[in-house]
Amino acid sequence: MSEHGLIGDLHSVALVGTNGTIDWYCCPSFDSPAVFGSLLDAGRGGSFELAAAVPAETRQFYLPETNVLITRFFAEEGVGEIVDFMPVGGTGETRHRLIRRVLCARGTMPFRAQVAPRFDYGMQPHTLTEVGAGVVFTTPSSTVGLAATVPVGHDGRDVTAGFTLAEGESAMFALDVAGGGAVPRPCSGEEAEALLAATVAFWRSWLSASRYRGRWREVVHRSALSLKLLTYAPTGAIVAAPTTSLPEQIGGSATGTTGICGSATRPSACTRCCGWVSPARPTRSCSSCSGTPLRVKIVRLARCR
């Protein structure tokens, strides 16, 4: 887990490895079945690979005061980077998107991509249809569109791409999750830039409410941003972990990750200490304090097959 960064839109999150691979993504909400789950099953879980096509060292970090993640590749011929984010704030939409912006900062850099979704933990097959701006992956219960500003190919199931960028050039991939029979919408490079600006503004505006001015300000604020990513916006509930079914140790039977957090006391106290008081509202109830039975949704992960 230490080799991953986290992005999200307050409805769901995605894990991005330091190698540029998204190997965990449940959408459109935290408890939805996984679309990419190679974190649990590298062979059958599905992933979104995007990386330099040549040997390169990598470094991963966040754009300051945001949850916009940058994975940088250092190769002999150049330096490139991937900017990963899920749009939030100022878009006025209820759609769920995951955007990956690739650019070359110096020299030239060849990139490769492979988008291999495995819906419902690999148990639900999908069809692939070509559209004007990319492709659409369809199952009986969900539809995911992939738009790209570079040519892509496919084998009827997965999408691949190979391209080279010179200094200052960029490319973009966007996943658009559509439910209820809606049709995924393409995303142009210009729209992606606007969504990135709105997302950066949202996170920095939220963080500006912090009253913490101590010596550990950067660490505290990064922790606060991570806690915010684990918050489900419609209810204010905080999930205990962004993943599921990972063992505490290899070969062990106990899992270190669960579903919805039963008690949000500690993370709530943390954010209150930093000054985030007004967005909070009572969302918890239990039989002992309100007389109403607690409703809990149990999320069970099936093995990919």
C-alpha atoms as a PDB file:
ATOM      1  CA  MET A   1       0.000   0.000   0.000  1.00  0.00           C
ATOM      2  CA  SER A   2       2.950   2.334   0.582  1.00  0.00           C
ATOM      3  CA  GLU A   3       3.671   2.162  -3.159  1.00  0.00           C
ATOM      4  CA  HIS A   4       0.373   3.834  -4.049  1.00  0.00           C
ATOM      5  CA  GLY A   5      -1.199   7.255  -4.200  1.00  0.00           C
ATOM      6  CA  LEU A   6      -4.899   7.943  -3.694  1.00  0.00           C
ATOM      7  CA  ILE A   7      -7.293  10.060  -5.758  1.00  0.00           C
ATOM      8  CA  GLY A   8     -11.042  10.489  -5.389  1.00  0.00           C
ATOM      9  CA  ASP A   9     -14.180  12.585  -5.856  1.00  0.00           C
ATOM     10  CA  LEU A  10     -15.894  12.142  -2.435  1.00  0.00           C
ATOM     11  CA  HIS A  11     -17.932   9.255  -3.838  1.00  0.00           C
ATOM     12  CA  SER A  12     -15.180   6.775  -4.612  1.00  0.00           C
ATOM     13  CA  VAL A  13     -11.399   6.517  -4.835  1.00  0.00           C
ATOM     14  CA  ALA A  14      -8.749   4.928  -7.025  1.00  0.00           C
ATOM     15  CA  LEU A  15      -5.306   3.645  -6.088  1.00  0.00           C
ATOM     16  CA  VAL A  16      -2.445   4.600  -8.412  1.00  0.00           C
ATOM     17  CA  GLY A  17       0.807   2.691  -8.093  1.00  0.00           C
ATOM     18  CA  THR A  18       4.209   4.337  -8.343  1.00  0.00           C
ATOM     19  CA  ASN A  19       4.537   2.493 -11.665  1.00  0.00           C
ATOM     20  CA  GLY A  20       1.548   4.442 -13.019  1.00  0.00           C
ATOM     21  CA  THR A  21      -0.949   1.559 -12.815  1.00  0.00           C
ATOM     22  CA  ILE A  22      -4.438   1.999 -11.386  1.00  0.00           C
ATOM     23  CA  ASP A  23      -4.992  -1.367  -9.715  1.00  0.00           C
ATOM     24  CA  TRP A  24      -8.007  -0.562  -7.538  1.00  0.00           C
ATOM     25  CA  TYR A  25     -11.100   1.389  -8.543  1.00  0.00           C
ATOM     26  CA  CYS A  26     -14.691   0.850  -7.456  1.00  0.00           C
ATOM     27  CA  CYS A  27     -17.240   3.117  -9.092  1.00  0.00           C
ATOM     28  CA  PRO A  28     -19.462   5.021  -8.901  1.00  0.00           C
ATOM     29  CA  SER A  29     -19.304   4.680  -5.085  1.00  0.00           C
ATOM     30  CA  PHE A  30     -17.010   3.229  -2.423  1.00  0.00           C
ATOM     31  CA  ASP A  31     -19.074   0.045  -2.071  1.00  0.00           C
ATOM     32  CA  SER A  32     -19.606  -0.559  -5.781  1.00  0.00           C
ATOM     33  CA  PRO A  33     -18.033  -3.654  -7.350  1.00  0.00           C
ATOM     34  CA  ALA A  34     -14.497  -3.115  -8.588  1.00  0.00           C
ATOM     35  CA  VAL A  35     -13.728  -2.203 -12.191  1.00  0.00           C
ATOM     36  CA  PHE A  36      -9.958  -2.474 -11.626  1.00  0.00           C
ATOM     37  CA  GLY A  37      -8.890  -4.952  -8.963  1.00  0.00           C
ATOM     38  CA  SER A  38      -5.436  -6.264  -9.834  1.00  0.00           C
ATOM     39  CA  LEU A  39      -4.328  -5.203  -6.359  1.00  0.00           C
ATOM     40  CA  LEU A  40      -6.021  -8.441  -5.234  1.00  0.00           C
ATOM     41  CA  ASP A  41      -5.501 -10.581  -8.344  1.00  0.00           C
ATOM     42  CA  ALA A  42      -2.793  -9.411 -10.722  1.00  0.00           C
ATOM     43  CA  GLY A  43      -3.813 -11.852 -13.433  1.00  0.00           C
ATOM     44  CA  ARG A  44      -7.587 -11.493 -13.429  1.00  0.00           C
ATOM     45  CA  GLY A  45      -8.437  -8.368 -11.457  1.00  0.00           C
ATOM     46  CA  GLY A  46      -8.088  -5.774 -14.227  1.00  0.00           C
ATOM     47  CA  SER A  47      -6.060  -2.561 -14.308  1.00  0.00           C
ATOM     48  CA  PHE A  48      -5.350   0.693 -16.119  1.00  0.00           C
ATOM     49  CA  GLU A  49      -1.649   0.676 -16.995  1.00  0.00           C
ATOM     50  CA  LEU A  50      -0.018   3.908 -18.107  1.00  0.00           C
ATOM     51  CA  ALA A  51       3.743   4.318 -17.955  1.00  0.00           C
ATOM     52  CA  ALA A  52       6.931   5.149 -19.786  1.00  0.00           C
ATOM     53  CA  ALA A  53       7.699   2.579 -22.489  1.00  0.00           C
ATOM     54  CA  VAL A  54      11.408   2.680 -21.617  1.00  0.00           C
ATOM     55  CA  PRO A  55      13.265   1.937 -18.378  1.00  0.00           C
ATOM     56  CA  ALA A  56      12.709   4.835 -16.006  1.00  0.00           C
ATOM     57  CA  GLU A  57      12.918   5.755 -12.353  1.00  0.00           C
ATOM     58  CA  THR A  58       9.711   7.050 -10.832  1.00  0.00           C
ATOM     59  CA  ARG A  59       8.694   9.490  -8.147  1.00  0.00           C
ATOM     60  CA  GLN A  60       5.152  10.096  -6.930  1.00  0.00           C
ATOM     61  CA  PHE A  61       3.833  13.157  -5.120  1.00  0.00           C
ATOM     62  CA  TYR A  62       0.790  15.410  -4.821  1.00  0.00           C
ATOM     63  CA  LEU A  63       0.308  18.847  -6.277  1.00  0.00           C
ATOM     64  CA  PRO A  64       0.688  21.010  -3.145  1.00  0.00           C
ATOM     65  CA  GLU A  65      -2.467  21.405  -1.033  1.00  0.00           C
ATOM     66  CA  THR A  66      -4.544  19.136  -3.305  1.00  0.00           C
ATOM     67  CA  ASN A  67      -5.420  15.504  -3.947  1.00  0.00           C
ATOM     68  CA  VAL A  68      -4.155  15.760  -7.526  1.00  0.00           C
ATOM     69  CA  LEU A  69      -1.500  13.053  -7.904  1.00  0.00           C
ATOM     70  CA  ILE A  70       1.627  13.287 -10.051  1.00  0.00           C
ATOM     71  CA  THR A  71       3.726  10.280 -11.077  1.00  0.00           C
ATOM     72  CA  ARG A  72       6.987  11.370 -12.698  1.00  0.00           C
ATOM     73  CA  PHE A  73       9.213   9.211 -14.923  1.00  0.00           C
ATOM     74  CA  PHE A  74      12.947   9.906 -15.278  1.00  0.00           C
ATOM     75  CA  ALA A  75      14.530   8.218 -18.323  1.00  0.00           C
ATOM     76  CA  GLU A  76      17.758   8.759 -20.256  1.00  0.00           C
ATOM     77  CA  GLU A  77      16.038  10.563 -23.132  1.00  0.00           C
ATOM     78  CA  GLY A  78      13.592  12.665 -21.154  1.00  0.00           C
ATOM     79  CA  VAL A  79      11.288  13.300 -18.238  1.00  0.00           C
ATOM     80  CA  GLY A  80       7.550  12.679 -18.367  1.00  0.00           C
ATOM     81  CA  GLU A  81       4.703  12.671 -15.892  1.00  0.00           C
ATOM     82  CA  ILE A  82       1.123  11.547 -15.371  1.00  0.00           C
ATOM     83  CA  VAL A  83      -1.346  13.827 -13.610  1.00  0.00           C
ATOM     84  CA  ASP A  84      -4.172  11.765 -12.099  1.00  0.00           C
ATOM     85  CA  PHE A  85      -7.348  13.211 -10.588  1.00  0.00           C
ATOM     86  CA  MET A  86     -11.087  12.733 -10.268  1.00  0.00           C
ATOM     87  CA  PRO A  87     -12.992  15.976 -10.953  1.00  0.00           C
ATOM     88  CA  VAL A  88     -14.703  17.542  -7.960  1.00  0.00           C
ATOM     89  CA  GLY A  89     -15.914  21.048  -7.250  1.00  0.00           C
ATOM     90  CA  GLY A  90     -17.385  23.604  -9.611  1.00  0.00           C
ATOM     91  CA  THR A  91     -18.363  21.178 -12.373  1.00  0.00           C
ATOM     92  CA  GLY A  92     -22.103  21.195 -11.650  1.00  0.00           C
ATOM     93  CA  GLU A  93     -22.311  17.545 -12.730  1.00  0.00           C
ATOM     94  CA  THR A  94     -23.128  14.283 -11.036  1.00  0.00           C
ATOM     95  CA  ARG A  95     -21.040  12.240 -13.463  1.00  0.00           C
ATOM     96  CA  HIS A  96     -18.019  10.360 -12.165  1.00  0.00           C
ATOM     97  CA  ARG A  97     -14.827  10.719 -14.137  1.00  0.00           C
ATOM     98  CA  LEU A  98     -11.227   9.673 -13.769  1.00  0.00           C
ATOM     99  CA  ILE A  99      -8.789  11.720 -15.825  1.00  0.00           C
ATOM    100  CA  ARG A 100      -5.165  10.913 -16.620  1.00  0.00           C
ATOM    101  CA  ARG A 101      -3.135  13.684 -18.244  1.00  0.00           C
ATOM    102  CA  VAL A 102       0.251  12.684 -19.671  1.00  0.00           C
ATOM    103  CA  LEU A 103       2.944  15.190 -20.576  1.00  0.00           C
ATOM    104  CA  CYS A 104       6.614  15.372 -21.456  1.00  0.00           C
ATOM    105  CA  ALA A 105       8.552  17.880 -19.370  1.00  0.00           C
ATOM    106  CA  ARG A 106      11.954  17.432 -21.023  1.00  0.00           C
ATOM    107  CA  GLY A 107      13.383  15.669 -24.077  1.00  0.00           C
ATOM    108  CA  THR A 108      11.170  12.963 -25.569  1.00  0.00           C
ATOM    109  CA  MET A 109       9.302  10.177 -23.838  1.00  0.00           C
ATOM    110  CA  PRO A 110       7.511   7.113 -25.271  1.00  0.00           C
ATOM    111  CA  PHE A 111       4.473   5.938 -23.303  1.00  0.00           C
ATOM    112  CA  ARG A 112       2.356   2.799 -23.335  1.00  0.00           C
ATOM    113  CA  ALA A 113      -1.159   2.265 -22.032  1.00  0.00           C
ATOM    114  CA  GLN A 114      -3.413  -0.724 -21.454  1.00  0.00           C
ATOM    115  CA  VAL A 115      -6.972  -0.395 -20.147  1.00  0.00           C
ATOM    116  CA  ALA A 116      -8.278  -3.778 -19.028  1.00  0.00           C
ATOM    117  CA  PRO A 117     -11.449  -3.443 -16.920  1.00  0.00           C
ATOM    118  CA  ARG A 118     -12.790  -6.500 -15.115  1.00  0.00           C
ATOM    119  CA  PHE A 119     -16.257  -5.630 -13.901  1.00  0.00           C
ATOM    120  CA  ASP A 120     -17.703  -6.978 -10.646  1.00  0.00           C
ATOM    121  CA  TYR A 121     -14.333  -8.340  -9.497  1.00  0.00           C
ATOM    122  CA  GLY A 122     -13.833 -10.099 -12.812  1.00  0.00           C
ATOM    123  CA  MET A 123     -17.090 -12.041 -12.669  1.00  0.00           C
ATOM    124  CA  GLN A 124     -19.104  -9.971 -15.145  1.00  0.00           C
ATOM    125  CA  PRO A 125     -18.027 -10.024 -18.828  1.00  0.00           C
ATOM    126  CA  HIS A 126     -18.248  -6.876 -20.900  1.00  0.00           C
ATOM    127  CA  THR A 127     -18.558  -5.837 -24.498  1.00  0.00           C
ATOM    128  CA  LEU A 128     -16.444  -3.184 -26.208  1.00  0.00           C
ATOM    129  CA  THR A 129     -17.840  -0.730 -28.752  1.00  0.00           C
ATOM    130  CA  GLU A 130     -15.921   1.857 -30.748  1.00  0.00           C
ATOM    131  CA  VAL A 131     -17.247   5.434 -30.676  1.00  0.00           C
ATOM    132  CA  GLY A 132     -16.004   8.685 -32.141  1.00  0.00           C
ATOM    133  CA  ALA A 133     -13.876   9.760 -29.178  1.00  0.00           C
ATOM    134  CA  GLY A 134     -12.760   6.340 -27.988  1.00  0.00           C
ATOM    135  CA  VAL A 135     -14.484   3.173 -26.793  1.00  0.00           C
ATOM    136  CA  VAL A 136     -17.317   2.134 -24.495  1.00  0.00           C
ATOM    137  CA  PHE A 137     -17.188  -0.848 -22.136  1.00  0.00           C
ATOM    138  CA  THR A 138     -20.675  -2.193 -21.396  1.00  0.00           C
ATOM    139  CA  THR A 139     -22.120  -4.714 -18.950  1.00  0.00           C
ATOM    140  CA  PRO A 140     -25.767  -5.298 -18.002  1.00  0.00           C
ATOM    141  CA  SER A 141     -25.331  -3.116 -14.925  1.00  0.00           C
ATOM    142  CA  SER A 142     -22.817  -0.423 -15.900  1.00  0.00           C
ATOM    143  CA  THR A 143     -21.288   1.505 -18.755  1.00  0.00           C
ATOM    144  CA  VAL A 144     -17.815   3.032 -18.799  1.00  0.00           C
ATOM    145  CA  GLY A 145     -16.522   5.205 -21.615  1.00  0.00           C
ATOM    146  CA  LEU A 146     -12.868   5.788 -22.414  1.00  0.00           C
ATOM    147  CA  ALA A 147     -11.892   8.930 -24.305  1.00  0.00           C
ATOM    148  CA  ALA A 148      -8.342   9.586 -25.478  1.00  0.00           C
ATOM    149  CA  THR A 149      -6.514  12.255 -27.432  1.00  0.00           C
ATOM    150  CA  VAL A 150      -4.156   9.653 -28.963  1.00  0.00           C
ATOM    151  CA  PRO A 151      -5.036   6.713 -31.226  1.00  0.00           C
ATOM    152  CA  VAL A 152      -5.988   3.520 -29.393  1.00  0.00           C
ATOM    153  CA  GLY A 153      -6.406  -0.074 -30.486  1.00  0.00           C
ATOM    154  CA  HIS A 154      -8.291  -2.985 -28.981  1.00  0.00           C
ATOM    155  CA  ASP A 155      -8.744  -6.741 -29.151  1.00  0.00           C
ATOM    156  CA  GLY A 156     -12.460  -6.710 -28.476  1.00  0.00           C
ATOM    157  CA  ARG A 157     -11.917  -6.750 -24.725  1.00  0.00           C
ATOM    158  CA  ASP A 158      -9.025  -4.486 -23.710  1.00  0.00           C
ATOM    159  CA  VAL A 159      -7.618  -1.232 -25.069  1.00  0.00           C
ATOM    160  CA  THR A 160      -3.968  -0.508 -25.796  1.00  0.00           C
ATOM    161  CA  ALA A 161      -2.052   2.537 -26.967  1.00  0.00           C
ATOM    162  CA  GLY A 162       1.531   3.508 -27.697  1.00  0.00           C
ATOM    163  CA  PHE A 163       2.671   7.071 -28.338  1.00  0.00           C
ATOM    164  CA  THR A 164       5.666   9.368 -28.015  1.00  0.00           C
ATOM    165  CA  LEU A 165       5.580  12.907 -26.683  1.00  0.00           C
ATOM    166  CA  ALA A 166       8.121  15.645 -27.250  1.00  0.00           C
ATOM    167  CA  GLU A 167       8.902  18.366 -24.722  1.00  0.00           C
ATOM    168  CA  GLY A 168       5.772  20.387 -23.957  1.00  0.00           C
ATOM    169  CA  GLU A 169       3.374  17.942 -25.618  1.00  0.00           C
ATOM    170  CA  SER A 170       0.601  16.205 -23.709  1.00  0.00           C
ATOM    171  CA  ALA A 171      -2.074  13.527 -24.086  1.00  0.00           C
ATOM    172  CA  MET A 172      -5.174  12.695 -22.109  1.00  0.00           C
ATOM    173  CA  PHE A 173      -7.213   9.639 -21.132  1.00  0.00           C
ATOM    174  CA  ALA A 174     -10.596   9.988 -19.420  1.00  0.00           C
ATOM    175  CA  LEU A 175     -12.878   7.338 -17.968  1.00  0.00           C
ATOM    176  CA  ASP A 176     -16.526   8.360 -17.771  1.00  0.00           C
ATOM    177  CA  VAL A 177     -18.754   6.213 -15.584  1.00  0.00           C
ATOM    178  CA  ALA A 178     -22.402   6.320 -16.609  1.00  0.00           C
ATOM    179  CA  GLY A 179     -25.208   4.555 -14.781  1.00  0.00           C
ATOM    180  CA  GLY A 180     -28.902   4.033 -15.349  1.00  0.00           C
ATOM    181  CA  GLY A 181     -28.533   3.543 -19.080  1.00  0.00           C
ATOM    182  CA  ALA A 182     -26.825   6.918 -19.612  1.00  0.00           C
ATOM    183  CA  VAL A 183     -24.344   7.228 -22.450  1.00  0.00           C
ATOM    184  CA  PRO A 184     -20.717   8.103 -21.544  1.00  0.00           C
ATOM    185  CA  ARG A 185     -19.649  11.492 -22.820  1.00  0.00           C
ATOM    186  CA  PRO A 186     -16.332  12.285 -24.504  1.00  0.00           C
ATOM    187  CA  CYS A 187     -13.853  14.566 -22.790  1.00  0.00           C
ATOM    188  CA  SER A 188     -11.645  16.900 -24.834  1.00  0.00           C
ATOM    189  CA  GLY A 189      -8.219  18.059 -23.779  1.00  0.00           C
ATOM    190  CA  GLU A 190      -9.576  21.558 -23.170  1.00  0.00           C
ATOM    191  CA  GLU A 191     -12.364  20.244 -20.943  1.00  0.00           C
ATOM    192  CA  ALA A 192      -9.878  18.137 -18.995  1.00  0.00           C
ATOM    193  CA  GLU A 193      -7.755  21.236 -18.321  1.00  0.00           C
ATOM    194  CA  ALA A 194     -10.827  23.107 -17.055  1.00  0.00           C
ATOM    195  CA  LEU A 195     -11.782  20.186 -14.797  1.00  0.00           C
ATOM    196  CA  LEU A 196      -8.241  20.051 -13.439  1.00  0.00           C
ATOM    197  CA  ALA A 197      -8.305  23.767 -12.598  1.00  0.00           C
ATOM    198  CA  ALA A 198     -11.680  23.403 -10.852  1.00  0.00           C
ATOM    199  CA  THR A 199     -10.460  20.384  -8.892  1.00  0.00           C
ATOM    200  CA  VAL A 200      -7.288  22.147  -7.736  1.00  0.00           C
ATOM    201  CA  ALA A 201      -9.348  25.165  -6.685  1.00  0.00           C
ATOM    202  CA  PHE A 202     -11.776  22.949  -4.740  1.00  0.00           C
ATOM    203  CA  TRP A 203      -9.102  21.199  -2.675  1.00  0.00           C
ATOM    204  CA  ARG A 204      -7.179  24.383  -1.931  1.00  0.00           C
ATOM    205  CA  SER A 205     -10.360  26.195  -0.951  1.00  0.00           C
ATOM    206  CA  TRP A 206     -11.322  23.362   1.407  1.00  0.00           C
ATOM    207  CA  LEU A 207      -7.861  23.237   2.950  1.00  0.00           C
ATOM    208  CA  SER A 208      -7.788  27.012   3.485  1.00  0.00           C
ATOM    209  CA  ALA A 209     -10.298  26.574   6.358  1.00  0.00           C
ATOM    210  CA  SER A 210      -7.630  24.865   8.467  1.00  0.00           C
ATOM    211  CA  ARG A 211      -6.621  26.720  11.625  1.00  0.00           C
ATOM    212  CA  TYR A 212      -3.594  24.558  12.305  1.00  0.00           C
ATOM    213  CA  ARG A 213      -0.359  26.586  12.239  1.00  0.00           C
ATOM    214  CA  GLY A 214       2.026  24.246  14.057  1.00  0.00           C
ATOM    215  CA  ARG A 215       5.398  22.888  12.978  1.00  0.00           C
ATOM    216  CA  TRP A 216       3.814  19.795  11.365  1.00  0.00           C
ATOM    217  CA  ARG A 217       1.497  21.784   9.135  1.00  0.00           C
ATOM    218  CA  GLU A 218       2.370  19.992   5.899  1.00  0.00           C
ATOM    219  CA  VAL A 219       1.986  16.526   7.456  1.00  0.00           C
ATOM    220  CA  VAL A 220      -1.254  17.435   9.241  1.00  0.00           C
ATOM    221  CA  HIS A 221      -2.758  18.919   6.099  1.00  0.00           C
ATOM    222  CA  ARG A 222      -1.826  15.879   4.019  1.00  0.00           C
ATOM    223  CA  SER A 223      -3.512  13.664   6.618  1.00  0.00           C
ATOM    224  CA  ALA A 224      -6.597  15.883   6.539  1.00  0.00           C
ATOM    225  CA  LEU A 225      -6.761  15.694   2.750  1.00  0.00           C
ATOM    226  CA  SER A 226      -6.523  11.895   2.930  1.00  0.00           C
ATOM    227  CA  LEU A 227      -9.353  11.735   5.472  1.00  0.00           C
ATOM    228  CA  LYS A 228     -11.457  13.978   3.264  1.00  0.00           C
ATOM    229  CA  LEU A 229     -10.919  11.589   0.344  1.00  0.00           C
ATOM    230  CA  LEU A 230     -12.438   8.805   2.460  1.00  0.00           C
ATOM    231  CA  THR A 231     -15.605  10.816   3.065  1.00  0.00           C
ATOM    232  CA  TYR A 232     -18.802   9.926   1.210  1.00  0.00           C
ATOM    233  CA  ALA A 233     -20.236  13.330   0.285  1.00  0.00           C
ATOM    234  CA  PRO A 234     -23.983  12.457   0.200  1.00  0.00           C
ATOM    235  CA  THR A 235     -23.989  11.377   3.880  1.00  0.00           C
ATOM    236  CA  GLY A 236     -20.750  12.623   5.423  1.00  0.00           C
ATOM    237  CA  ALA A 237     -19.828   9.053   6.439  1.00  0.00           C
ATOM    238  CA  ILE A 238     -16.142   8.092   6.486  1.00  0.00           C
ATOM    239  CA  VAL A 239     -15.020   4.725   5.142  1.00  0.00           C
ATOM    240  CA  ALA A 240     -12.525   2.755   7.208  1.00  0.00           C
ATOM    241  CA  ALA A 241     -10.340   2.007   4.181  1.00  0.00           C
ATOM    242  CA  PRO A 242     -10.429   2.509   0.422  1.00  0.00           C
ATOM    243  CA  THR A 243      -9.831  -1.193  -0.277  1.00  0.00           C
ATOM    244  CA  THR A 244     -11.105  -4.534   0.968  1.00  0.00           C
ATOM    245  CA  SER A 245      -9.929  -8.062   1.791  1.00  0.00           C
ATOM    246  CA  LEU A 246      -6.217  -7.290   2.029  1.00  0.00           C
ATOM    247  CA  PRO A 247      -4.595  -9.554   4.664  1.00  0.00           C
ATOM    248  CA  GLU A 248      -2.736  -7.991   7.569  1.00  0.00           C
ATOM    249  CA  GLN A 249       0.127 -10.313   6.638  1.00  0.00           C
ATOM    250  CA  ILE A 250       0.834 -12.594   3.669  1.00  0.00           C
ATOM    251  CA  GLY A 251      -0.937 -15.886   4.238  1.00  0.00           C
ATOM    252  CA  GLY A 252      -2.874 -14.556   7.202  1.00  0.00           C
ATOM    253  CA  SER A 253      -6.585 -14.938   7.723  1.00  0.00           C
ATOM    254  CA  ALA A 254      -7.303 -11.542   9.293  1.00  0.00           C
ATOM    255  CA  THR A 255      -7.927  -8.612   6.981  1.00  0.00           C
ATOM    256  CA  GLY A 256      -6.634  -5.145   7.663  1.00  0.00           C
ATOM    257  CA  THR A 257      -9.314  -3.335   5.664  1.00  0.00           C
ATOM    258  CA  THR A 258     -13.056  -3.173   6.101  1.00  0.00           C
ATOM    259  CA  GLY A 259     -16.100  -1.402   4.702  1.00  0.00           C
ATOM    260  CA  ILE A 260     -17.967   1.521   6.240  1.00  0.00           C
ATOM    261  CA  CYS A 261     -16.354   2.954   9.361  1.00  0.00           C
ATOM    262  CA  GLY A 262     -18.433   2.075  12.410  1.00  0.00           C
ATOM    263  CA  SER A 263     -17.117   5.002  14.427  1.00  0.00           C
ATOM    264  CA  ALA A 264     -15.924   8.249  12.935  1.00  0.00           C
ATOM    265  CA  THR A 265     -14.930   9.709  16.318  1.00  0.00           C
ATOM    266  CA  ARG A 266     -11.176   9.856  15.811  1.00  0.00           C
ATOM    267  CA  PRO A 267     -11.085  11.202  12.243  1.00  0.00           C
ATOM    268  CA  SER A 268     -13.855  13.677  13.107  1.00  0.00           C
ATOM    269  CA  ALA A 269     -11.890  14.884  16.128  1.00  0.00           C
ATOM    270  CA  CYS A 270      -8.836  15.316  13.921  1.00  0.00           C
ATOM    271  CA  THR A 271     -10.636  17.481  11.395  1.00  0.00           C
ATOM    272  CA  ARG A 272     -12.357  19.512  14.127  1.00  0.00           C
ATOM    273  CA  CYS A 273      -8.975  20.322  15.636  1.00  0.00           C
ATOM    274  CA  CYS A 274      -7.913  21.730  12.277  1.00  0.00           C
ATOM    275  CA  GLY A 275     -11.009  23.915  12.049  1.00  0.00           C
ATOM    276  CA  TRP A 276     -13.414  21.978   9.801  1.00  0.00           C
ATOM    277  CA  VAL A 277     -16.539  22.266  11.899  1.00  0.00           C
ATOM    278  CA  SER A 278     -19.306  23.726   9.739  1.00  0.00           C
ATOM    279  CA  PRO A 279     -19.510  20.898   7.125  1.00  0.00           C
ATOM    280  CA  ALA A 280     -20.045  18.298   9.871  1.00  0.00           C
ATOM    281  CA  ARG A 281     -23.527  17.189  10.748  1.00  0.00           C
ATOM    282  CA  PRO A 282     -24.881  14.308  12.825  1.00  0.00           C
ATOM    283  CA  THR A 283     -25.106  11.270  10.591  1.00  0.00           C
ATOM    284  CA  ARG A 284     -24.594   8.408  13.054  1.00  0.00           C
ATOM    285  CA  SER A 285     -27.236   6.558  14.949  1.00  0.00           C
ATOM    286  CA  CYS A 286     -27.322   3.372  16.946  1.00  0.00           C
ATOM    287  CA  SER A 287     -29.861   1.429  18.920  1.00  0.00           C
ATOM    288  CA  SER A 288     -28.314   2.410  22.246  1.00  0.00           C
ATOM    289  CA  CYS A 289     -28.485   6.166  21.731  1.00  0.00           C
ATOM    290  CA  SER A 290     -31.445   6.786  19.461  1.00  0.00           C
ATOM    291  CA  GLY A 291     -33.696   3.760  19.761  1.00  0.00           C
ATOM    292  CA  THR A 292     -33.336   3.159  16.006  1.00  0.00           C
ATOM    293  CA  PRO A 293     -31.506   0.033  14.802  1.00  0.00           C
ATOM    294  CA  LEU A 294     -28.226   0.752  13.027  1.00  0.00           C
ATOM    295  CA  ARG A 295     -28.349  -0.097   9.342  1.00  0.00           C
ATOM    296  CA  VAL A 296     -25.105  -1.620   8.151  1.00  0.00           C
ATOM    297  CA  LYS A 297     -24.229  -2.758   4.656  1.00  0.00           C
ATOM    298  CA  ILE A 298     -21.854  -5.689   4.527  1.00  0.00           C
ATOM    299  CA  VAL A 299     -19.582  -5.742   1.499  1.00  0.00           C
ATOM    300  CA  ARG A 300     -18.328  -9.208   0.562  1.00  0.00           C
ATOM    301  CA  LEU A 301     -15.647  -9.630  -2.054  1.00  0.00           C
ATOM    302  CA  ALA A 302     -15.880 -12.609  -4.400  1.00  0.00           C
ATOM    303  CA  ARG A 303     -12.728 -14.109  -5.829  1.00  0.00           C
ATOM    304  CA  CYS A 304     -11.926 -13.015  -9.367  1.00  0.00           C
ATOM    305  CA  ARG A 305     -12.395 -15.808 -11.846  1.00  0.00           C
END
